[in-house]
Amino acid sequence: MKLDSKYFDRIRTRRNRQQEAAPQTPTCQWDGCDKPGVHRAPVGRNAEGQFFLFCFEHVKEYNKGYNYFSGLSDGEIARYQKEAVTGHRPTWTLGVNKSAKQAPLHSTVRSGGAHAQRFRDPFGFVSQARAGGPRFPPQERKLKTLEAKAFDTMGLTGNATATEIKSRYKELVKKHHPDANGGDRGSEERFRAVVQAYQLLKQAGFC
């Protein structure tokens, strides 16, 4: 290729353009430092989004003495930390906004005032909750075949409480224990059936 070729001039020109377009690295902003400033450091409070540019050594030095809360009292710091939990946004009571909370109906319904009669409660859910009773009546558990047989073996119904089951178990064990019946075979089988029935009810969560 000749030196005065148009292709050679085009390549040389393109290379010069790339060198001119190369970004220049900023200089460290620390006083008396001329190293490249490639590390960012925050300016401070009320200047969010603004940064200083330092070299590696000076950004470490700057971060050692940096304090975002410099100049604030302990009370102001505590309030800032509390507001930071919600992103410094206003909050209200869960489920109630400010205007509704100040309404007369909201205060009187909660306190049982005259306006509480405007609140309909056809199923009695609110009155039961105020009285401390259960919101829904407990449902009876449907017994499986082996569970029903175990209750029958112990002479109890399916709605027997844990205390009743344990009391009945102790009574039957004492009554049918082989030592108390002189080695009676029938009593021994009855004793074994009661123990198995109690263990089944215990594993099923009845006692």
N, C-alpha and C. Protein backbone atom coordinates (compact mmCIF):
# COMPACT_ATOMS: atom_id res chain seq x y z
N MET A 1 0.85 -1.19 0.00
CA MET A 1 0.00 0.00 0.00
C MET A 1 0.89 1.25 0.00
N LYS A 2 0.58 2.18 -0.87
CA LYS A 2 1.34 3.42 -0.95
C LYS A 2 1.00 4.35 0.21
N LEU A 3 1.97 5.15 0.63
CA LEU A 3 1.76 6.05 1.75
C LEU A 3 0.76 7.15 1.44
N ASP A 4 0.64 7.50 0.14
CA ASP A 4 -0.33 8.55 -0.22
C ASP A 4 -1.66 7.97 -0.67
N SER A 5 -1.92 6.70 -0.32
CA SER A 5 -3.18 6.07 -0.69
C SER A 5 -4.34 6.64 0.13
N LYS A 6 -5.50 6.71 -0.48
CA LYS A 6 -6.68 7.22 0.23
C LYS A 6 -7.12 6.28 1.35
N TYR A 7 -6.83 5.02 1.16
CA TYR A 7 -7.19 4.06 2.21
C TYR A 7 -6.31 4.25 3.45
N PHE A 8 -5.06 4.53 3.24
CA PHE A 8 -4.16 4.77 4.35
C PHE A 8 -4.56 6.02 5.12
N ASP A 9 -4.95 7.08 4.44
CA ASP A 9 -5.39 8.30 5.10
C ASP A 9 -6.66 8.08 5.92
N ARG A 10 -7.56 7.24 5.40
CA ARG A 10 -8.81 6.96 6.11
C ARG A 10 -8.55 6.21 7.41
N ILE A 11 -7.66 5.23 7.38
CA ILE A 11 -7.33 4.48 8.58
C ILE A 11 -6.67 5.38 9.61
N ARG A 12 -5.73 6.21 9.18
CA ARG A 12 -5.03 7.10 10.08
C ARG A 12 -5.98 8.12 10.70
N THR A 13 -6.91 8.64 9.93
CA THR A 13 -7.88 9.61 10.44
C THR A 13 -8.81 8.99 11.45
N ARG A 14 -9.26 7.75 11.19
CA ARG A 14 -10.16 7.08 12.11
C ARG A 14 -9.48 6.81 13.44
N ARG A 15 -8.21 6.47 13.40
CA ARG A 15 -7.48 6.21 14.63
C ARG A 15 -7.32 7.49 15.44
N ASN A 16 -7.08 8.59 14.78
CA ASN A 16 -6.94 9.87 15.49
C ASN A 16 -8.25 10.27 16.14
N ARG A 17 -9.38 9.98 15.49
CA ARG A 17 -10.68 10.32 16.06
C ARG A 17 -10.96 9.52 17.32
N GLN A 18 -10.58 8.27 17.34
CA GLN A 18 -10.77 7.44 18.53
C GLN A 18 -9.95 7.95 19.70
N GLN A 19 -8.73 8.42 19.40
CA GLN A 19 -7.89 8.94 20.47
C GLN A 19 -8.45 10.23 21.04
N GLU A 20 -9.03 11.07 20.18
CA GLU A 20 -9.61 12.32 20.64
C GLU A 20 -10.87 12.08 21.46
N ALA A 21 -11.66 11.01 21.12
CA ALA A 21 -12.92 10.75 21.80
C ALA A 21 -12.75 10.02 23.12
N ALA A 22 -11.54 9.57 23.43
CA ALA A 22 -11.31 8.83 24.67
C ALA A 22 -11.59 9.73 25.87
N PRO A 23 -12.40 9.28 26.85
CA PRO A 23 -12.74 10.12 28.01
C PRO A 23 -11.53 10.34 28.90
N GLN A 24 -11.48 11.51 29.46
CA GLN A 24 -10.39 11.85 30.35
C GLN A 24 -10.78 11.54 31.80
N THR A 25 -9.87 10.91 32.52
CA THR A 25 -10.12 10.56 33.92
C THR A 25 -10.01 11.80 34.79
N PRO A 26 -11.02 12.08 35.65
CA PRO A 26 -10.94 13.27 36.50
C PRO A 26 -9.83 13.13 37.54
N THR A 27 -9.35 14.25 37.99
CA THR A 27 -8.29 14.29 38.99
C THR A 27 -8.87 14.25 40.39
N CYS A 28 -8.15 13.64 41.31
CA CYS A 28 -8.58 13.55 42.70
C CYS A 28 -8.82 14.96 43.26
N GLN A 29 -9.95 15.13 43.96
CA GLN A 29 -10.33 16.43 44.50
C GLN A 29 -9.71 16.71 45.87
N TRP A 30 -8.88 15.84 46.35
CA TRP A 30 -8.17 16.09 47.61
C TRP A 30 -7.09 17.15 47.37
N ASP A 31 -6.97 18.08 48.28
CA ASP A 31 -6.02 19.17 48.11
C ASP A 31 -4.59 18.64 47.95
N GLY A 32 -3.96 19.06 46.87
CA GLY A 32 -2.56 18.71 46.62
C GLY A 32 -2.36 17.34 46.00
N CYS A 33 -3.44 16.66 45.59
CA CYS A 33 -3.32 15.32 44.98
C CYS A 33 -3.65 15.42 43.50
N ASP A 34 -2.79 14.83 42.66
CA ASP A 34 -3.02 14.87 41.21
C ASP A 34 -3.25 13.47 40.64
N LYS A 35 -3.59 12.51 41.50
CA LYS A 35 -3.88 11.15 41.02
C LYS A 35 -5.29 11.10 40.43
N PRO A 36 -5.60 10.07 39.63
CA PRO A 36 -6.95 9.94 39.06
C PRO A 36 -8.00 9.75 40.15
N GLY A 37 -9.09 10.51 40.05
CA GLY A 37 -10.18 10.40 41.03
C GLY A 37 -11.30 9.54 40.48
N VAL A 38 -11.23 8.26 40.75
CA VAL A 38 -12.21 7.31 40.20
C VAL A 38 -13.14 6.75 41.27
N HIS A 39 -12.98 7.15 42.51
CA HIS A 39 -13.82 6.64 43.59
C HIS A 39 -14.71 7.75 44.12
N ARG A 40 -16.03 7.45 44.22
CA ARG A 40 -16.99 8.46 44.66
C ARG A 40 -17.16 8.43 46.18
N ALA A 41 -17.38 9.60 46.77
CA ALA A 41 -17.65 9.74 48.20
C ALA A 41 -18.78 10.73 48.37
N PRO A 42 -19.78 10.43 49.24
CA PRO A 42 -20.94 11.33 49.38
C PRO A 42 -20.54 12.68 49.95
N VAL A 43 -21.22 13.74 49.47
CA VAL A 43 -20.93 15.09 49.94
C VAL A 43 -21.41 15.28 51.37
N GLY A 44 -22.65 14.82 51.66
CA GLY A 44 -23.15 14.95 53.02
C GLY A 44 -24.66 15.07 53.04
N ARG A 45 -25.22 15.34 54.24
CA ARG A 45 -26.66 15.47 54.40
C ARG A 45 -27.17 16.69 53.63
N ASN A 46 -28.38 16.57 53.10
CA ASN A 46 -29.02 17.61 52.28
C ASN A 46 -28.30 17.80 50.94
N ALA A 47 -27.43 16.87 50.59
CA ALA A 47 -26.77 16.93 49.28
C ALA A 47 -26.75 15.52 48.68
N GLU A 48 -27.88 14.81 48.84
CA GLU A 48 -27.97 13.46 48.32
C GLU A 48 -27.84 13.46 46.79
N GLY A 49 -27.10 12.50 46.27
CA GLY A 49 -26.88 12.40 44.83
C GLY A 49 -25.65 13.15 44.36
N GLN A 50 -24.97 13.86 45.26
CA GLN A 50 -23.75 14.58 44.91
C GLN A 50 -22.55 13.87 45.54
N PHE A 51 -21.45 13.81 44.81
CA PHE A 51 -20.29 13.04 45.27
C PHE A 51 -18.99 13.80 44.99
N PHE A 52 -18.01 13.55 45.85
CA PHE A 52 -16.64 13.94 45.60
C PHE A 52 -15.94 12.81 44.85
N LEU A 53 -14.88 13.14 44.11
CA LEU A 53 -14.10 12.14 43.39
C LEU A 53 -12.69 12.14 43.97
N PHE A 54 -12.30 11.01 44.55
CA PHE A 54 -11.00 10.87 45.18
C PHE A 54 -10.27 9.66 44.60
N CYS A 55 -8.97 9.62 44.84
CA CYS A 55 -8.19 8.42 44.54
C CYS A 55 -8.44 7.40 45.66
N PHE A 56 -7.88 6.22 45.53
CA PHE A 56 -8.17 5.14 46.47
C PHE A 56 -7.72 5.49 47.89
N GLU A 57 -6.51 6.06 48.03
CA GLU A 57 -6.00 6.38 49.35
C GLU A 57 -6.83 7.46 50.04
N HIS A 58 -7.22 8.49 49.28
CA HIS A 58 -7.93 9.60 49.90
C HIS A 58 -9.41 9.30 50.13
N VAL A 59 -10.00 8.41 49.35
CA VAL A 59 -11.40 8.06 49.62
C VAL A 59 -11.50 7.25 50.90
N LYS A 60 -10.47 6.45 51.21
CA LYS A 60 -10.43 5.75 52.48
C LYS A 60 -10.28 6.73 53.64
N GLU A 61 -9.44 7.71 53.47
CA GLU A 61 -9.23 8.72 54.50
C GLU A 61 -10.48 9.54 54.74
N TYR A 62 -11.20 9.86 53.67
CA TYR A 62 -12.42 10.65 53.78
C TYR A 62 -13.52 9.85 54.49
N ASN A 63 -13.64 8.56 54.16
CA ASN A 63 -14.69 7.73 54.76
C ASN A 63 -14.47 7.48 56.25
N LYS A 64 -13.22 7.53 56.69
CA LYS A 64 -12.96 7.33 58.12
C LYS A 64 -13.59 8.43 58.98
N GLY A 65 -13.59 9.64 58.49
CA GLY A 65 -14.13 10.75 59.27
C GLY A 65 -15.52 11.19 58.84
N TYR A 66 -16.15 10.45 57.91
CA TYR A 66 -17.46 10.87 57.42
C TYR A 66 -18.55 10.48 58.41
N ASN A 67 -19.46 11.42 58.70
CA ASN A 67 -20.58 11.17 59.61
C ASN A 67 -21.81 11.87 59.03
N TYR A 68 -22.77 11.08 58.59
CA TYR A 68 -23.97 11.65 57.97
C TYR A 68 -24.77 12.48 58.96
N PHE A 69 -24.74 12.11 60.27
CA PHE A 69 -25.54 12.80 61.27
C PHE A 69 -24.76 13.88 62.01
N SER A 70 -23.68 14.33 61.45
CA SER A 70 -22.89 15.37 62.10
C SER A 70 -23.71 16.65 62.24
N GLY A 71 -23.73 17.20 63.46
CA GLY A 71 -24.47 18.43 63.72
C GLY A 71 -25.87 18.22 64.23
N LEU A 72 -26.36 16.98 64.32
CA LEU A 72 -27.71 16.69 64.79
C LEU A 72 -27.65 16.24 66.25
N SER A 73 -28.72 16.55 66.99
CA SER A 73 -28.82 16.12 68.38
C SER A 73 -29.25 14.66 68.43
N ASP A 74 -29.20 14.07 69.62
CA ASP A 74 -29.61 12.67 69.78
C ASP A 74 -31.09 12.49 69.46
N GLY A 75 -31.91 13.45 69.84
CA GLY A 75 -33.34 13.36 69.54
C GLY A 75 -33.62 13.41 68.04
N GLU A 76 -32.91 14.28 67.34
CA GLU A 76 -33.10 14.38 65.90
C GLU A 76 -32.62 13.11 65.19
N ILE A 77 -31.55 12.51 65.69
CA ILE A 77 -31.05 11.26 65.10
C ILE A 77 -32.05 10.14 65.32
N ALA A 78 -32.62 10.06 66.53
CA ALA A 78 -33.61 9.02 66.83
C ALA A 78 -34.86 9.19 65.98
N ARG A 79 -35.31 10.43 65.78
CA ARG A 79 -36.48 10.67 64.94
C ARG A 79 -36.20 10.30 63.48
N TYR A 80 -35.01 10.61 63.01
CA TYR A 80 -34.66 10.25 61.63
C TYR A 80 -34.66 8.74 61.45
N GLN A 81 -34.10 8.01 62.42
CA GLN A 81 -34.06 6.56 62.30
C GLN A 81 -35.46 5.96 62.35
N LYS A 82 -36.35 6.53 63.16
CA LYS A 82 -37.73 6.04 63.23
C LYS A 82 -38.46 6.30 61.92
N GLU A 83 -38.28 7.48 61.33
CA GLU A 83 -38.94 7.79 60.07
C GLU A 83 -38.34 7.01 58.90
N ALA A 84 -37.09 6.59 59.02
CA ALA A 84 -36.45 5.83 57.95
C ALA A 84 -37.08 4.46 57.76
N VAL A 85 -37.74 3.94 58.80
CA VAL A 85 -38.39 2.63 58.70
C VAL A 85 -39.48 2.65 57.64
N THR A 86 -40.20 3.77 57.51
CA THR A 86 -41.27 3.91 56.52
C THR A 86 -40.84 4.75 55.32
N GLY A 87 -39.55 4.94 55.15
CA GLY A 87 -39.07 5.72 54.01
C GLY A 87 -39.40 7.19 54.13
N HIS A 88 -39.52 7.70 55.37
CA HIS A 88 -39.82 9.11 55.64
C HIS A 88 -41.16 9.52 55.03
N ARG A 89 -42.12 8.58 55.04
CA ARG A 89 -43.47 8.87 54.54
C ARG A 89 -44.45 8.85 55.71
N PRO A 90 -45.52 9.64 55.64
CA PRO A 90 -46.51 9.64 56.75
C PRO A 90 -47.25 8.31 56.82
N THR A 91 -47.63 7.90 58.02
CA THR A 91 -48.34 6.64 58.22
C THR A 91 -49.59 6.88 59.06
N TRP A 92 -50.55 5.93 58.99
CA TRP A 92 -51.77 5.98 59.75
C TRP A 92 -52.02 4.63 60.39
N THR A 93 -53.00 4.58 61.29
CA THR A 93 -53.38 3.32 61.91
C THR A 93 -53.83 2.34 60.85
N LEU A 94 -53.48 1.07 61.01
CA LEU A 94 -53.78 0.06 60.01
C LEU A 94 -55.28 -0.04 59.78
N GLY A 95 -55.71 0.15 58.54
CA GLY A 95 -57.10 0.01 58.17
C GLY A 95 -57.94 1.25 58.40
N VAL A 96 -57.38 2.32 58.97
CA VAL A 96 -58.14 3.53 59.26
C VAL A 96 -57.30 4.72 58.85
N ASN A 97 -57.84 5.56 57.94
CA ASN A 97 -57.12 6.76 57.57
C ASN A 97 -57.43 7.88 58.57
N LYS A 98 -56.77 9.01 58.40
CA LYS A 98 -56.87 10.08 59.40
C LYS A 98 -58.28 10.64 59.49
N SER A 99 -58.94 10.85 58.35
CA SER A 99 -60.27 11.45 58.37
C SER A 99 -61.30 10.48 58.97
N ALA A 100 -61.18 9.20 58.66
CA ALA A 100 -62.14 8.23 59.19
C ALA A 100 -61.95 8.00 60.67
N LYS A 101 -60.70 8.10 61.14
CA LYS A 101 -60.43 7.89 62.55
C LYS A 101 -61.04 8.98 63.41
N GLN A 102 -61.16 10.21 62.86
CA GLN A 102 -61.72 11.32 63.60
C GLN A 102 -63.24 11.41 63.45
N ALA A 103 -63.83 10.54 62.65
CA ALA A 103 -65.28 10.58 62.45
C ALA A 103 -66.00 10.14 63.71
N PRO A 104 -67.20 10.69 64.00
CA PRO A 104 -67.92 10.31 65.23
C PRO A 104 -68.36 8.86 65.24
N LEU A 105 -68.69 8.30 64.08
CA LEU A 105 -69.16 6.92 64.03
C LEU A 105 -68.06 5.96 64.42
N HIS A 106 -66.81 6.27 64.04
CA HIS A 106 -65.69 5.38 64.36
C HIS A 106 -65.47 5.33 65.87
N SER A 107 -65.51 6.46 66.54
CA SER A 107 -65.24 6.49 67.97
C SER A 107 -66.39 5.89 68.77
N THR A 108 -67.66 6.16 68.36
CA THR A 108 -68.78 5.69 69.15
C THR A 108 -69.02 4.20 68.97
N VAL A 109 -68.74 3.67 67.79
CA VAL A 109 -68.93 2.23 67.59
C VAL A 109 -67.96 1.45 68.44
N ARG A 110 -66.71 1.93 68.53
CA ARG A 110 -65.70 1.23 69.32
C ARG A 110 -66.01 1.34 70.81
N SER A 111 -66.57 2.47 71.23
CA SER A 111 -66.83 2.67 72.65
C SER A 111 -68.23 2.24 73.06
N GLY A 112 -69.06 1.81 72.09
CA GLY A 112 -70.41 1.38 72.42
C GLY A 112 -71.36 2.53 72.68
N GLY A 113 -71.22 3.67 71.97
CA GLY A 113 -72.05 4.83 72.18
C GLY A 113 -73.39 4.69 71.47
N ALA A 114 -74.10 5.85 71.35
CA ALA A 114 -75.42 5.83 70.76
C ALA A 114 -75.39 5.46 69.29
N HIS A 115 -74.32 5.88 68.60
CA HIS A 115 -74.24 5.60 67.17
C HIS A 115 -73.93 4.14 66.89
N ALA A 116 -73.58 3.37 67.91
CA ALA A 116 -73.28 1.95 67.69
C ALA A 116 -74.49 1.19 67.18
N GLN A 117 -75.71 1.73 67.41
CA GLN A 117 -76.90 1.06 66.91
C GLN A 117 -76.98 1.08 65.39
N ARG A 118 -76.27 1.98 64.75
CA ARG A 118 -76.28 2.05 63.29
C ARG A 118 -75.47 0.92 62.68
N PHE A 119 -74.68 0.25 63.48
CA PHE A 119 -73.81 -0.83 62.99
C PHE A 119 -74.59 -2.14 63.05
N ARG A 120 -74.84 -2.76 61.90
CA ARG A 120 -75.61 -4.00 61.85
C ARG A 120 -74.72 -5.19 62.16
N ASP A 121 -75.23 -6.07 62.99
CA ASP A 121 -74.51 -7.29 63.36
C ASP A 121 -75.51 -8.46 63.40
N PRO A 122 -76.03 -8.88 62.22
CA PRO A 122 -77.11 -9.88 62.21
C PRO A 122 -76.69 -11.24 62.74
N PHE A 123 -75.41 -11.60 62.63
CA PHE A 123 -74.96 -12.92 63.08
C PHE A 123 -74.34 -12.89 64.48
N GLY A 124 -74.22 -11.71 65.08
CA GLY A 124 -73.73 -11.64 66.44
C GLY A 124 -72.24 -11.84 66.60
N PHE A 125 -71.47 -11.62 65.52
CA PHE A 125 -70.03 -11.82 65.60
C PHE A 125 -69.37 -10.82 66.55
N VAL A 126 -69.77 -9.54 66.44
CA VAL A 126 -69.16 -8.49 67.25
C VAL A 126 -69.54 -8.66 68.71
N SER A 127 -70.80 -8.97 68.99
CA SER A 127 -71.23 -9.13 70.38
C SER A 127 -70.55 -10.31 71.04
N GLN A 128 -70.33 -11.40 70.30
CA GLN A 128 -69.62 -12.55 70.87
C GLN A 128 -68.17 -12.20 71.16
N ALA A 129 -67.55 -11.42 70.24
CA ALA A 129 -66.16 -11.05 70.47
C ALA A 129 -66.02 -10.15 71.69
N ARG A 130 -66.98 -9.23 71.90
CA ARG A 130 -66.93 -8.36 73.07
C ARG A 130 -67.15 -9.15 74.35
N ALA A 131 -67.98 -10.18 74.28
CA ALA A 131 -68.25 -10.99 75.47
C ALA A 131 -67.14 -11.98 75.76
N GLY A 132 -66.19 -12.08 74.85
CA GLY A 132 -65.06 -13.00 75.06
C GLY A 132 -65.35 -14.42 74.64
N GLY A 133 -66.48 -14.66 73.97
CA GLY A 133 -66.82 -16.00 73.55
C GLY A 133 -66.22 -16.33 72.20
N PRO A 134 -66.30 -17.59 71.76
CA PRO A 134 -65.75 -17.99 70.46
C PRO A 134 -66.56 -17.40 69.33
N ARG A 135 -65.90 -17.06 68.25
CA ARG A 135 -66.59 -16.48 67.11
C ARG A 135 -67.42 -17.52 66.38
N PHE A 136 -66.93 -18.74 66.29
CA PHE A 136 -67.65 -19.83 65.66
C PHE A 136 -67.70 -21.00 66.62
N PRO A 137 -68.82 -21.75 66.67
CA PRO A 137 -68.90 -22.90 67.56
C PRO A 137 -67.95 -23.99 67.11
N PRO A 138 -67.30 -24.68 68.06
CA PRO A 138 -66.37 -25.74 67.67
C PRO A 138 -67.08 -26.89 66.97
N GLN A 139 -66.47 -27.40 65.92
CA GLN A 139 -67.03 -28.51 65.16
C GLN A 139 -66.51 -29.84 65.69
N GLU A 140 -67.39 -30.82 65.78
CA GLU A 140 -66.99 -32.12 66.25
C GLU A 140 -66.14 -32.83 65.20
N ARG A 141 -65.14 -33.53 65.67
CA ARG A 141 -64.24 -34.23 64.77
C ARG A 141 -64.88 -35.55 64.34
N LYS A 142 -64.82 -35.83 63.05
CA LYS A 142 -65.36 -37.07 62.53
C LYS A 142 -64.38 -38.20 62.83
N LEU A 143 -64.88 -39.23 63.51
CA LEU A 143 -64.02 -40.31 63.95
C LEU A 143 -63.77 -41.31 62.82
N LYS A 144 -62.56 -41.81 62.78
CA LYS A 144 -62.24 -42.91 61.87
C LYS A 144 -62.68 -44.23 62.51
N THR A 145 -62.61 -45.28 61.73
CA THR A 145 -63.11 -46.57 62.21
C THR A 145 -62.35 -47.05 63.44
N LEU A 146 -61.02 -46.99 63.38
CA LEU A 146 -60.21 -47.45 64.50
C LEU A 146 -60.38 -46.55 65.71
N GLU A 147 -60.55 -45.24 65.49
CA GLU A 147 -60.74 -44.32 66.59
C GLU A 147 -62.06 -44.58 67.30
N ALA A 148 -63.13 -44.81 66.51
CA ALA A 148 -64.43 -45.13 67.10
C ALA A 148 -64.37 -46.44 67.88
N LYS A 149 -63.64 -47.41 67.35
CA LYS A 149 -63.49 -48.69 68.05
C LYS A 149 -62.72 -48.52 69.35
N ALA A 150 -61.70 -47.63 69.34
CA ALA A 150 -60.93 -47.40 70.55
C ALA A 150 -61.78 -46.74 71.63
N PHE A 151 -62.62 -45.78 71.26
CA PHE A 151 -63.52 -45.17 72.23
C PHE A 151 -64.50 -46.21 72.79
N ASP A 152 -64.97 -47.08 71.91
CA ASP A 152 -65.90 -48.12 72.36
C ASP A 152 -65.22 -49.09 73.32
N THR A 153 -63.96 -49.41 73.05
CA THR A 153 -63.22 -50.32 73.93
C THR A 153 -63.07 -49.74 75.32
N MET A 154 -62.89 -48.42 75.39
CA MET A 154 -62.72 -47.77 76.68
C MET A 154 -64.04 -47.34 77.29
N GLY A 155 -65.16 -47.59 76.59
CA GLY A 155 -66.47 -47.26 77.12
C GLY A 155 -66.76 -45.78 77.15
N LEU A 156 -66.23 -45.04 76.16
CA LEU A 156 -66.42 -43.59 76.09
C LEU A 156 -67.05 -43.21 74.76
N THR A 157 -67.59 -42.00 74.71
CA THR A 157 -68.12 -41.46 73.46
C THR A 157 -67.06 -40.64 72.76
N GLY A 158 -67.32 -40.29 71.50
CA GLY A 158 -66.33 -39.58 70.71
C GLY A 158 -66.06 -38.17 71.17
N ASN A 159 -66.95 -37.56 71.96
CA ASN A 159 -66.74 -36.19 72.44
C ASN A 159 -66.13 -36.15 73.83
N ALA A 160 -65.53 -37.23 74.27
CA ALA A 160 -64.89 -37.26 75.59
C ALA A 160 -63.64 -36.39 75.58
N THR A 161 -63.39 -35.73 76.70
CA THR A 161 -62.23 -34.84 76.80
C THR A 161 -60.98 -35.65 77.12
N ALA A 162 -59.83 -34.98 77.00
CA ALA A 162 -58.56 -35.65 77.29
C ALA A 162 -58.49 -36.09 78.75
N THR A 163 -59.02 -35.26 79.63
CA THR A 163 -59.02 -35.63 81.06
C THR A 163 -59.87 -36.87 81.31
N GLU A 164 -61.02 -36.95 80.66
CA GLU A 164 -61.89 -38.11 80.82
C GLU A 164 -61.24 -39.37 80.26
N ILE A 165 -60.53 -39.24 79.14
CA ILE A 165 -59.87 -40.41 78.54
C ILE A 165 -58.78 -40.93 79.46
N LYS A 166 -57.95 -40.03 79.99
CA LYS A 166 -56.87 -40.45 80.87
C LYS A 166 -57.41 -41.07 82.16
N SER A 167 -58.46 -40.48 82.71
CA SER A 167 -59.05 -41.01 83.93
C SER A 167 -59.63 -42.40 83.70
N ARG A 168 -60.32 -42.57 82.57
CA ARG A 168 -60.90 -43.89 82.24
C ARG A 168 -59.81 -44.92 81.99
N TYR A 169 -58.71 -44.49 81.38
CA TYR A 169 -57.61 -45.41 81.11
C TYR A 169 -57.00 -45.93 82.41
N LYS A 170 -56.75 -45.04 83.36
CA LYS A 170 -56.19 -45.46 84.64
C LYS A 170 -57.13 -46.42 85.37
N GLU A 171 -58.42 -46.15 85.26
CA GLU A 171 -59.41 -46.99 85.93
C GLU A 171 -59.42 -48.40 85.34
N LEU A 172 -59.39 -48.49 84.01
CA LEU A 172 -59.45 -49.80 83.36
C LEU A 172 -58.16 -50.58 83.54
N VAL A 173 -57.02 -49.88 83.51
CA VAL A 173 -55.74 -50.56 83.70
C VAL A 173 -55.65 -51.15 85.10
N LYS A 174 -56.10 -50.39 86.09
CA LYS A 174 -56.09 -50.89 87.46
C LYS A 174 -57.04 -52.07 87.63
N LYS A 175 -58.14 -52.03 86.92
CA LYS A 175 -59.16 -53.07 87.06
C LYS A 175 -58.75 -54.37 86.37
N HIS A 176 -58.15 -54.28 85.16
CA HIS A 176 -57.86 -55.47 84.36
C HIS A 176 -56.39 -55.87 84.38
N HIS A 177 -55.60 -55.30 85.23
CA HIS A 177 -54.20 -55.68 85.29
C HIS A 177 -54.07 -57.14 85.73
N PRO A 178 -53.20 -57.94 85.09
CA PRO A 178 -53.08 -59.37 85.44
C PRO A 178 -52.76 -59.61 86.90
N ASP A 179 -51.99 -58.73 87.52
CA ASP A 179 -51.65 -58.92 88.93
C ASP A 179 -52.87 -58.79 89.84
N ALA A 180 -53.87 -58.03 89.39
CA ALA A 180 -55.06 -57.82 90.21
C ALA A 180 -56.13 -58.88 89.95
N ASN A 181 -55.93 -59.78 88.96
CA ASN A 181 -56.94 -60.77 88.61
C ASN A 181 -56.40 -62.19 88.66
N GLY A 182 -55.30 -62.38 89.31
CA GLY A 182 -54.77 -63.72 89.49
C GLY A 182 -54.41 -64.43 88.20
N GLY A 183 -53.96 -63.68 87.20
CA GLY A 183 -53.55 -64.29 85.94
C GLY A 183 -54.71 -64.74 85.07
N ASP A 184 -55.89 -64.13 85.21
CA ASP A 184 -57.05 -64.47 84.39
C ASP A 184 -56.77 -64.13 82.93
N ARG A 185 -56.96 -65.11 82.02
CA ARG A 185 -56.64 -64.92 80.61
C ARG A 185 -57.54 -63.87 79.96
N GLY A 186 -58.81 -63.92 80.28
CA GLY A 186 -59.74 -62.95 79.69
C GLY A 186 -59.45 -61.53 80.14
N SER A 187 -59.07 -61.39 81.41
CA SER A 187 -58.73 -60.06 81.92
C SER A 187 -57.45 -59.54 81.29
N GLU A 188 -56.51 -60.45 81.01
CA GLU A 188 -55.25 -60.05 80.37
C GLU A 188 -55.49 -59.53 78.95
N GLU A 189 -56.38 -60.18 78.20
CA GLU A 189 -56.70 -59.72 76.84
C GLU A 189 -57.42 -58.37 76.88
N ARG A 190 -58.29 -58.22 77.86
CA ARG A 190 -58.98 -56.94 78.01
C ARG A 190 -57.99 -55.83 78.36
N PHE A 191 -57.03 -56.12 79.20
CA PHE A 191 -55.99 -55.17 79.57
C PHE A 191 -55.19 -54.74 78.33
N ARG A 192 -54.81 -55.72 77.48
CA ARG A 192 -54.04 -55.42 76.28
C ARG A 192 -54.86 -54.55 75.31
N ALA A 193 -56.15 -54.83 75.18
CA ALA A 193 -57.01 -54.05 74.28
C ALA A 193 -57.16 -52.60 74.76
N VAL A 194 -57.24 -52.40 76.08
CA VAL A 194 -57.36 -51.04 76.63
C VAL A 194 -56.08 -50.24 76.38
N VAL A 195 -54.93 -50.89 76.57
CA VAL A 195 -53.65 -50.21 76.35
C VAL A 195 -53.51 -49.80 74.88
N GLN A 196 -53.86 -50.72 73.96
CA GLN A 196 -53.78 -50.41 72.53
C GLN A 196 -54.74 -49.28 72.15
N ALA A 197 -55.94 -49.31 72.72
CA ALA A 197 -56.91 -48.27 72.41
C ALA A 197 -56.43 -46.90 72.90
N TYR A 198 -55.85 -46.87 74.09
CA TYR A 198 -55.35 -45.59 74.62
C TYR A 198 -54.19 -45.06 73.79
N GLN A 199 -53.29 -45.93 73.38
CA GLN A 199 -52.16 -45.51 72.56
C GLN A 199 -52.64 -44.95 71.22
N LEU A 200 -53.67 -45.55 70.64
CA LEU A 200 -54.21 -45.06 69.36
C LEU A 200 -54.81 -43.68 69.53
N LEU A 201 -55.60 -43.49 70.60
CA LEU A 201 -56.20 -42.17 70.83
C LEU A 201 -55.15 -41.11 71.15
N LYS A 202 -54.09 -41.50 71.82
CA LYS A 202 -53.01 -40.56 72.14
C LYS A 202 -52.30 -40.13 70.88
N GLN A 203 -52.00 -41.07 69.98
CA GLN A 203 -51.34 -40.72 68.73
C GLN A 203 -52.23 -39.88 67.81
N ALA A 204 -53.53 -40.07 67.92
CA ALA A 204 -54.47 -39.30 67.11
C ALA A 204 -54.72 -37.90 67.67
N GLY A 205 -54.18 -37.59 68.86
CA GLY A 205 -54.31 -36.26 69.42
C GLY A 205 -55.52 -36.03 70.30
N PHE A 206 -56.18 -37.11 70.73
CA PHE A 206 -57.34 -36.94 71.60
C PHE A 206 -56.94 -36.74 73.06
N CYS A 207 -55.73 -37.11 73.42
CA CYS A 207 -55.31 -36.96 74.81
C CYS A 207 -53.79 -36.75 74.85
